[in-house]
Amino acid sequence: MDTGAVMDVAINAMTTAIMISAPVLLISIVVGLAISIFQATTHIQEQTLTFVPKVLAIMGVLILFGPWMITVLTTFVKDLYSNMNTMFM
């Protein structure tokens, strides 16, 4: 297995990880920022105010994007397994 093949697998793995985690991370950042702005303007410093909306938003994103995320991950793993015999030759 040469260095180029290892680098290709590593790049594909990192790209897949970024693609899978991006929707959840972006929504949690947007919801967190909106709640922080709301808390700063109203001077409400309740801890559950930040936790509950983020959890609900992340659950919604997982329900909405979950099938796509699983498809991307299974495609990556299938490609990895199908090319495994050529990588070790």
N, C-alpha and C. Protein backbone atom coordinates (compact mmCIF):
# COMPACT_ATOMS: atom_id res chain seq x y z
N MET A 1 0.86 -1.17 0.00
CA MET A 1 0.00 0.00 0.00
C MET A 1 0.90 1.23 0.00
N ASP A 2 0.76 2.03 -1.01
CA ASP A 2 1.64 3.19 -1.13
C ASP A 2 1.05 4.41 -0.42
N THR A 3 1.85 5.44 -0.35
CA THR A 3 1.46 6.65 0.37
C THR A 3 0.28 7.36 -0.29
N GLY A 4 0.23 7.32 -1.61
CA GLY A 4 -0.88 7.97 -2.31
C GLY A 4 -2.23 7.35 -1.97
N ALA A 5 -2.27 6.02 -1.87
CA ALA A 5 -3.52 5.35 -1.53
C ALA A 5 -3.95 5.67 -0.10
N VAL A 6 -2.99 5.73 0.80
CA VAL A 6 -3.30 6.08 2.19
C VAL A 6 -3.84 7.50 2.27
N MET A 7 -3.22 8.40 1.54
CA MET A 7 -3.67 9.80 1.54
C MET A 7 -5.06 9.92 0.93
N ASP A 8 -5.34 9.18 -0.13
CA ASP A 8 -6.68 9.23 -0.73
C ASP A 8 -7.74 8.74 0.24
N VAL A 9 -7.46 7.65 0.94
CA VAL A 9 -8.42 7.13 1.92
C VAL A 9 -8.59 8.13 3.06
N ALA A 10 -7.50 8.73 3.53
CA ALA A 10 -7.60 9.70 4.62
C ALA A 10 -8.38 10.94 4.20
N ILE A 11 -8.13 11.42 2.99
CA ILE A 11 -8.87 12.60 2.50
C ILE A 11 -10.35 12.29 2.35
N ASN A 12 -10.66 11.11 1.80
CA ASN A 12 -12.07 10.72 1.66
C ASN A 12 -12.74 10.55 3.02
N ALA A 13 -12.02 10.00 3.99
CA ALA A 13 -12.58 9.83 5.33
C ALA A 13 -12.86 11.18 5.99
N MET A 14 -11.93 12.11 5.87
CA MET A 14 -12.14 13.44 6.46
C MET A 14 -13.26 14.20 5.77
N THR A 15 -13.32 14.09 4.45
CA THR A 15 -14.40 14.75 3.71
C THR A 15 -15.76 14.18 4.11
N THR A 16 -15.83 12.87 4.24
CA THR A 16 -17.08 12.24 4.66
C THR A 16 -17.46 12.65 6.07
N ALA A 17 -16.49 12.71 6.96
CA ALA A 17 -16.78 13.12 8.35
C ALA A 17 -17.28 14.55 8.40
N ILE A 18 -16.69 15.42 7.60
CA ILE A 18 -17.14 16.82 7.57
C ILE A 18 -18.54 16.92 7.00
N MET A 19 -18.81 16.17 5.93
CA MET A 19 -20.14 16.21 5.32
C MET A 19 -21.20 15.69 6.28
N ILE A 20 -20.89 14.66 7.04
CA ILE A 20 -21.87 14.08 7.95
C ILE A 20 -22.12 14.99 9.15
N SER A 21 -21.07 15.61 9.66
CA SER A 21 -21.24 16.41 10.87
C SER A 21 -21.67 17.85 10.61
N ALA A 22 -21.55 18.32 9.38
CA ALA A 22 -21.84 19.72 9.07
C ALA A 22 -23.27 20.16 9.39
N PRO A 23 -24.31 19.41 8.99
CA PRO A 23 -25.66 19.90 9.30
C PRO A 23 -25.93 20.07 10.79
N VAL A 24 -25.49 19.11 11.58
CA VAL A 24 -25.74 19.18 13.03
C VAL A 24 -24.95 20.33 13.65
N LEU A 25 -23.69 20.47 13.26
CA LEU A 25 -22.88 21.54 13.83
C LEU A 25 -23.38 22.92 13.44
N LEU A 26 -23.75 23.08 12.18
CA LEU A 26 -24.23 24.40 11.73
C LEU A 26 -25.52 24.80 12.42
N ILE A 27 -26.45 23.87 12.54
CA ILE A 27 -27.72 24.19 13.20
C ILE A 27 -27.50 24.48 14.68
N SER A 28 -26.63 23.72 15.33
CA SER A 28 -26.39 23.99 16.76
C SER A 28 -25.70 25.34 16.95
N ILE A 29 -24.82 25.73 16.03
CA ILE A 29 -24.19 27.06 16.12
C ILE A 29 -25.22 28.16 15.92
N VAL A 30 -26.08 28.00 14.92
CA VAL A 30 -27.09 29.03 14.65
C VAL A 30 -28.07 29.16 15.80
N VAL A 31 -28.54 28.03 16.32
CA VAL A 31 -29.48 28.07 17.44
C VAL A 31 -28.81 28.64 18.69
N GLY A 32 -27.57 28.25 18.95
CA GLY A 32 -26.84 28.78 20.09
C GLY A 32 -26.62 30.28 20.00
N LEU A 33 -26.29 30.75 18.80
CA LEU A 33 -26.10 32.19 18.61
C LEU A 33 -27.41 32.95 18.81
N ALA A 34 -28.50 32.42 18.27
CA ALA A 34 -29.80 33.08 18.43
C ALA A 34 -30.21 33.13 19.90
N ILE A 35 -29.98 32.06 20.62
CA ILE A 35 -30.34 32.03 22.04
C ILE A 35 -29.43 32.97 22.83
N SER A 36 -28.16 33.02 22.48
CA SER A 36 -27.24 33.94 23.18
C SER A 36 -27.63 35.39 22.97
N ILE A 37 -28.02 35.73 21.75
CA ILE A 37 -28.48 37.10 21.48
C ILE A 37 -29.76 37.39 22.26
N PHE A 38 -30.67 36.43 22.31
CA PHE A 38 -31.91 36.60 23.07
C PHE A 38 -31.61 36.79 24.56
N GLN A 39 -30.69 35.98 25.09
CA GLN A 39 -30.34 36.10 26.50
C GLN A 39 -29.65 37.43 26.80
N ALA A 40 -28.83 37.88 25.88
CA ALA A 40 -28.13 39.15 26.11
C ALA A 40 -29.09 40.34 26.08
N THR A 41 -30.09 40.26 25.23
CA THR A 41 -31.02 41.39 25.14
C THR A 41 -32.04 41.39 26.27
N THR A 42 -32.40 40.22 26.80
CA THR A 42 -33.41 40.16 27.85
C THR A 42 -32.83 39.98 29.24
N HIS A 43 -31.53 39.75 29.36
CA HIS A 43 -30.85 39.53 30.64
C HIS A 43 -31.39 38.31 31.37
N ILE A 44 -31.88 37.33 30.62
CA ILE A 44 -32.30 36.06 31.21
C ILE A 44 -31.11 35.12 31.14
N GLN A 45 -30.66 34.62 32.29
CA GLN A 45 -29.49 33.73 32.31
C GLN A 45 -29.88 32.34 32.81
N GLU A 46 -30.90 31.77 32.22
CA GLU A 46 -31.37 30.45 32.58
C GLU A 46 -30.61 29.41 31.76
N GLN A 47 -30.05 28.39 32.42
CA GLN A 47 -29.25 27.38 31.73
C GLN A 47 -30.09 26.47 30.85
N THR A 48 -31.31 26.17 31.25
CA THR A 48 -32.14 25.29 30.43
C THR A 48 -32.60 25.98 29.17
N LEU A 49 -32.56 27.29 29.13
CA LEU A 49 -32.96 28.02 27.94
C LEU A 49 -32.01 27.75 26.78
N THR A 50 -30.77 27.47 27.07
CA THR A 50 -29.83 27.15 26.00
C THR A 50 -29.86 25.68 25.65
N PHE A 51 -30.12 24.82 26.61
CA PHE A 51 -30.03 23.38 26.40
C PHE A 51 -31.20 22.82 25.61
N VAL A 52 -32.41 23.13 26.00
CA VAL A 52 -33.60 22.52 25.40
C VAL A 52 -33.76 22.88 23.92
N PRO A 53 -33.67 24.13 23.51
CA PRO A 53 -33.81 24.42 22.08
C PRO A 53 -32.72 23.78 21.22
N LYS A 54 -31.50 23.71 21.74
CA LYS A 54 -30.44 23.06 20.98
C LYS A 54 -30.72 21.58 20.78
N VAL A 55 -31.16 20.92 21.84
CA VAL A 55 -31.48 19.49 21.73
C VAL A 55 -32.62 19.27 20.75
N LEU A 56 -33.65 20.10 20.82
CA LEU A 56 -34.77 19.95 19.89
C LEU A 56 -34.34 20.23 18.45
N ALA A 57 -33.50 21.23 18.24
CA ALA A 57 -33.03 21.54 16.90
C ALA A 57 -32.16 20.42 16.35
N ILE A 58 -31.28 19.87 17.18
CA ILE A 58 -30.43 18.77 16.74
C ILE A 58 -31.26 17.53 16.44
N MET A 59 -32.27 17.26 17.24
CA MET A 59 -33.15 16.12 16.95
C MET A 59 -33.86 16.32 15.62
N GLY A 60 -34.32 17.53 15.36
CA GLY A 60 -34.98 17.82 14.09
C GLY A 60 -34.04 17.65 12.91
N VAL A 61 -32.80 18.10 13.06
CA VAL A 61 -31.82 17.95 11.98
C VAL A 61 -31.51 16.48 11.74
N LEU A 62 -31.38 15.71 12.81
CA LEU A 62 -31.10 14.28 12.65
C LEU A 62 -32.27 13.56 11.98
N ILE A 63 -33.48 13.96 12.30
CA ILE A 63 -34.64 13.35 11.65
C ILE A 63 -34.68 13.75 10.18
N LEU A 64 -34.38 15.00 9.90
CA LEU A 64 -34.44 15.51 8.53
C LEU A 64 -33.28 15.00 7.67
N PHE A 65 -32.06 15.08 8.19
CA PHE A 65 -30.88 14.72 7.41
C PHE A 65 -30.34 13.33 7.71
N GLY A 66 -30.94 12.61 8.64
CA GLY A 66 -30.45 11.30 9.03
C GLY A 66 -30.32 10.31 7.88
N PRO A 67 -31.35 10.15 7.05
CA PRO A 67 -31.22 9.22 5.93
C PRO A 67 -30.09 9.60 4.96
N TRP A 68 -29.93 10.89 4.70
CA TRP A 68 -28.85 11.33 3.83
C TRP A 68 -27.49 11.03 4.46
N MET A 69 -27.37 11.27 5.77
CA MET A 69 -26.11 11.02 6.46
C MET A 69 -25.74 9.54 6.42
N ILE A 70 -26.73 8.68 6.62
CA ILE A 70 -26.48 7.24 6.57
C ILE A 70 -26.10 6.81 5.16
N THR A 71 -26.74 7.40 4.15
CA THR A 71 -26.41 7.06 2.76
C THR A 71 -24.98 7.46 2.43
N VAL A 72 -24.56 8.64 2.85
CA VAL A 72 -23.18 9.09 2.60
C VAL A 72 -22.19 8.17 3.29
N LEU A 73 -22.48 7.79 4.52
CA LEU A 73 -21.57 6.93 5.27
C LEU A 73 -21.50 5.52 4.68
N THR A 74 -22.64 4.96 4.32
CA THR A 74 -22.62 3.61 3.73
C THR A 74 -21.96 3.62 2.36
N THR A 75 -22.13 4.69 1.60
CA THR A 75 -21.44 4.78 0.30
C THR A 75 -19.93 4.81 0.50
N PHE A 76 -19.47 5.57 1.49
CA PHE A 76 -18.04 5.62 1.77
C PHE A 76 -17.51 4.25 2.16
N VAL A 77 -18.22 3.55 3.04
CA VAL A 77 -17.76 2.24 3.50
C VAL A 77 -17.80 1.22 2.37
N LYS A 78 -18.84 1.25 1.54
CA LYS A 78 -18.90 0.33 0.40
C LYS A 78 -17.77 0.58 -0.57
N ASP A 79 -17.47 1.85 -0.85
CA ASP A 79 -16.34 2.17 -1.73
C ASP A 79 -15.02 1.72 -1.12
N LEU A 80 -14.88 1.90 0.17
CA LEU A 80 -13.67 1.49 0.85
C LEU A 80 -13.48 -0.02 0.78
N TYR A 81 -14.55 -0.77 1.04
CA TYR A 81 -14.46 -2.23 0.98
C TYR A 81 -14.26 -2.74 -0.45
N SER A 82 -14.89 -2.10 -1.42
CA SER A 82 -14.75 -2.57 -2.79
C SER A 82 -13.36 -2.29 -3.35
N ASN A 83 -12.71 -1.24 -2.87
CA ASN A 83 -11.37 -0.91 -3.35
C ASN A 83 -10.26 -1.48 -2.46
N MET A 84 -10.62 -2.24 -1.45
CA MET A 84 -9.62 -2.73 -0.52
C MET A 84 -8.64 -3.71 -1.18
N ASN A 85 -9.13 -4.54 -2.09
CA ASN A 85 -8.23 -5.51 -2.71
C ASN A 85 -7.23 -4.82 -3.64
N THR A 86 -7.59 -3.68 -4.22
CA THR A 86 -6.63 -2.96 -5.08
C THR A 86 -5.66 -2.12 -4.25
N MET A 87 -6.03 -1.76 -3.04
CA MET A 87 -5.15 -0.95 -2.21
C MET A 87 -3.96 -1.75 -1.69
N PHE A 88 -4.18 -3.04 -1.42
CA PHE A 88 -3.11 -3.85 -0.83
C PHE A 88 -2.25 -4.55 -1.88
N MET A 89 -2.52 -4.35 -3.13
CA MET A 89 -1.72 -4.97 -4.19
C MET A 89 -0.62 -4.06 -4.66
